[in-house]
Every structure is written in structure tokens, then in C-alpha cells.
Amino acid sequence: FMKGLVIAKECRFTTRRHYQQMTDGGVFRWMGENVIIEVKSNRLDLPRLGITVTKRYGKAHERNRFKRLVREAFRMLDWANFQALDVLVKPKKTAMSAEVGRIQEDLLLASKRFLLVSSQKK
């Protein structure tokens, strides 16, 4: 699902509908140290990443930096155990000083917790 350093198109949220589906039921929300992560299962065999950063977060270069960090953290994770997940990441104000490792830990924790919670519901 990776093409070099680029996350493949099928592994990203590309339309408004993808983001709107995250507001439907079945979303697990994780409040990390620097990010808010919403996780939901999808019908694909691939994990998909969506990033939402509003102007309230900061100037364009700050928003772009956050998006780069999240994409890098997403790329670095081993998604073999987390197939079929939609992951939406939003920053907290503390994300200005975030590092890739912390965001990666939050992504991993949120995914694990979602799978744990969803397996207990069955």
C-alpha cells in the first residue's frame, strides 16, 4: 500500500464522503497526547488515513508540518495487523511540538484499543 514514500491513493481519504462517513456510528475516539484519533472499520483490506487540520490550529506552514508528521507516522507503522481500518487524525494545540514517534505511538494505541473494544462487542 506504499509507493516509495507516497501513501497510495486507495489508502487515503480522497473525498468529502470519506470524512463524512467518520461521523456515522461505530467510531472509536482516542485522545492522545498530541492528537485526537478516530478509528472505524472499513470494508476494504487496507488501512486508510484522513487528516483534518483547521486554520484555528495555526498558519499554513504549521498545518503542513503536522500533516507531514502524521503521514510519516502512518507510513512507519506495520499495518499488517490493522487491515480494514479508517483512521482520522486531528491535532491538539500541543501537536505544535509533537514528534513523529509520539504520533506513531498514539496511532498504534488507538488502533489496538479499537480492535480490543470491537472484539469485545461481538
Protein backbone atom coordinates (compact mmCIF):
# COMPACT_ATOMS: atom_id res chain seq x y z
CA PHE A 1 0.00 0.00 0.00
CA MET A 2 3.03 2.19 -0.26
CA LYS A 3 4.59 3.50 -3.42
CA GLY A 4 8.01 4.60 -2.26
CA LEU A 5 7.38 7.39 0.22
CA VAL A 6 3.91 8.14 -1.12
CA ILE A 7 0.85 6.67 0.56
CA ALA A 8 -1.19 5.04 -2.20
CA LYS A 9 -4.40 6.77 -3.21
CA GLU A 10 -6.57 3.88 -2.04
CA CYS A 11 -5.04 4.27 1.46
CA ARG A 12 -6.08 7.92 1.85
CA PHE A 13 -9.33 9.75 2.36
CA THR A 14 -9.81 11.44 -1.00
CA THR A 15 -13.39 12.71 -0.95
CA ARG A 16 -15.69 14.60 1.36
CA ARG A 17 -17.79 11.46 1.69
CA HIS A 18 -14.87 9.59 3.27
CA TYR A 19 -14.67 12.21 6.00
CA GLN A 20 -18.45 12.32 6.47
CA GLN A 21 -18.59 8.54 6.95
CA MET A 22 -16.46 9.02 10.04
CA THR A 23 -19.32 10.94 11.67
CA ASP A 24 -21.66 7.95 11.27
CA GLY A 25 -21.91 5.44 14.10
CA GLY A 26 -19.22 2.98 15.10
CA VAL A 27 -16.38 5.46 15.50
CA PHE A 28 -13.87 4.95 18.31
CA ARG A 29 -12.24 8.16 19.53
CA TRP A 30 -8.80 8.19 21.16
CA MET A 31 -7.47 11.30 22.86
CA GLY A 32 -3.72 11.06 22.58
CA GLU A 33 -1.10 13.40 23.99
CA ASN A 34 -0.89 15.48 20.81
CA VAL A 35 -3.69 14.22 18.60
CA ILE A 36 -7.30 13.11 18.54
CA ILE A 37 -7.68 9.91 16.55
CA GLU A 38 -10.95 8.49 15.31
CA VAL A 39 -10.91 4.87 14.15
CA LYS A 40 -13.59 2.95 12.31
CA SER A 41 -13.59 -0.33 10.42
CA ASN A 42 -13.98 -0.23 6.65
CA ARG A 43 -14.90 -2.79 4.01
CA LEU A 44 -11.52 -2.64 2.31
CA ASP A 45 -8.50 -4.77 3.08
CA LEU A 46 -6.39 -1.64 3.50
CA PRO A 47 -5.98 0.95 6.23
CA ARG A 48 -6.95 4.48 5.14
CA LEU A 49 -5.69 7.75 6.57
CA GLY A 50 -7.51 11.05 6.81
CA ILE A 51 -6.05 14.22 8.33
CA THR A 52 -8.12 17.21 9.38
CA VAL A 53 -6.35 20.43 10.36
CA THR A 54 -8.31 23.68 10.60
CA LYS A 55 -6.95 27.20 10.30
CA ARG A 56 -7.53 27.57 14.02
CA TYR A 57 -4.56 25.26 14.56
CA GLY A 58 -2.05 27.66 13.05
CA LYS A 59 -0.55 29.12 9.93
CA ALA A 60 -0.19 27.14 6.72
CA HIS A 61 3.39 26.03 7.38
CA GLU A 62 2.37 24.73 10.82
CA ARG A 63 -0.62 22.84 9.42
CA ASN A 64 1.56 21.37 6.66
CA ARG A 65 4.20 20.27 9.19
CA PHE A 66 1.55 18.48 11.23
CA LYS A 67 0.25 16.68 8.13
CA ARG A 68 3.79 15.63 7.18
CA LEU A 69 4.38 14.24 10.68
CA VAL A 70 1.14 12.26 10.64
CA ARG A 71 1.79 10.83 7.18
CA GLU A 72 5.30 9.81 8.24
CA ALA A 73 3.99 8.15 11.41
CA PHE A 74 1.34 6.32 9.35
CA ARG A 75 3.97 5.11 6.88
CA MET A 76 6.27 3.83 9.63
CA LEU A 77 3.63 1.62 11.27
CA ASP A 78 3.30 -2.07 10.43
CA TRP A 79 -0.31 -2.22 9.25
CA ALA A 80 -0.36 -5.99 8.73
CA ASN A 81 -2.35 -6.41 11.97
CA PHE A 82 -4.62 -3.43 11.36
CA GLN A 83 -6.13 -4.08 7.94
CA ALA A 84 -9.55 -2.62 7.14
CA LEU A 85 -9.35 0.46 9.39
CA ASP A 86 -10.17 4.08 8.63
CA VAL A 87 -8.08 6.44 10.74
CA LEU A 88 -8.86 10.16 11.02
CA VAL A 89 -6.28 12.31 12.81
CA LYS A 90 -6.89 15.79 14.23
CA PRO A 91 -4.31 17.86 16.11
CA LYS A 92 -4.47 19.22 19.62
CA LYS A 93 -2.73 22.53 20.31
CA THR A 94 0.12 20.59 21.90
CA ALA A 95 0.84 19.00 18.50
CA MET A 96 2.92 22.05 17.58
CA SER A 97 5.81 20.47 19.48
CA ALA A 98 4.96 16.87 18.56
CA GLU A 99 7.42 14.39 17.16
CA VAL A 100 6.80 11.53 14.75
CA GLY A 101 7.43 8.90 17.43
CA ARG A 102 4.72 10.24 19.74
CA ILE A 103 2.16 10.44 16.95
CA GLN A 104 3.11 6.93 15.85
CA GLU A 105 2.56 5.65 19.42
CA ASP A 106 -0.86 7.33 19.53
CA LEU A 107 -1.84 5.77 16.17
CA LEU A 108 -0.77 2.35 17.39
CA LEU A 109 -2.58 2.68 20.73
CA ALA A 110 -5.78 3.94 19.14
CA SER A 111 -5.80 1.08 16.61
CA LYS A 112 -5.14 -1.55 19.28
CA ARG A 113 -7.83 -0.14 21.59
CA PHE A 114 -10.35 -0.03 18.74
CA LEU A 115 -9.70 -3.67 17.87
CA LEU A 116 -9.95 -4.64 21.54
CA VAL A 117 -13.23 -2.77 22.05
CA SER A 118 -14.76 -4.02 18.80
CA SER A 119 -13.81 -7.63 19.55
CA GLN A 120 -15.46 -7.40 23.00
CA LYS A 121 -18.72 -6.18 21.43
CA LYS A 122 -19.02 -9.34 19.30
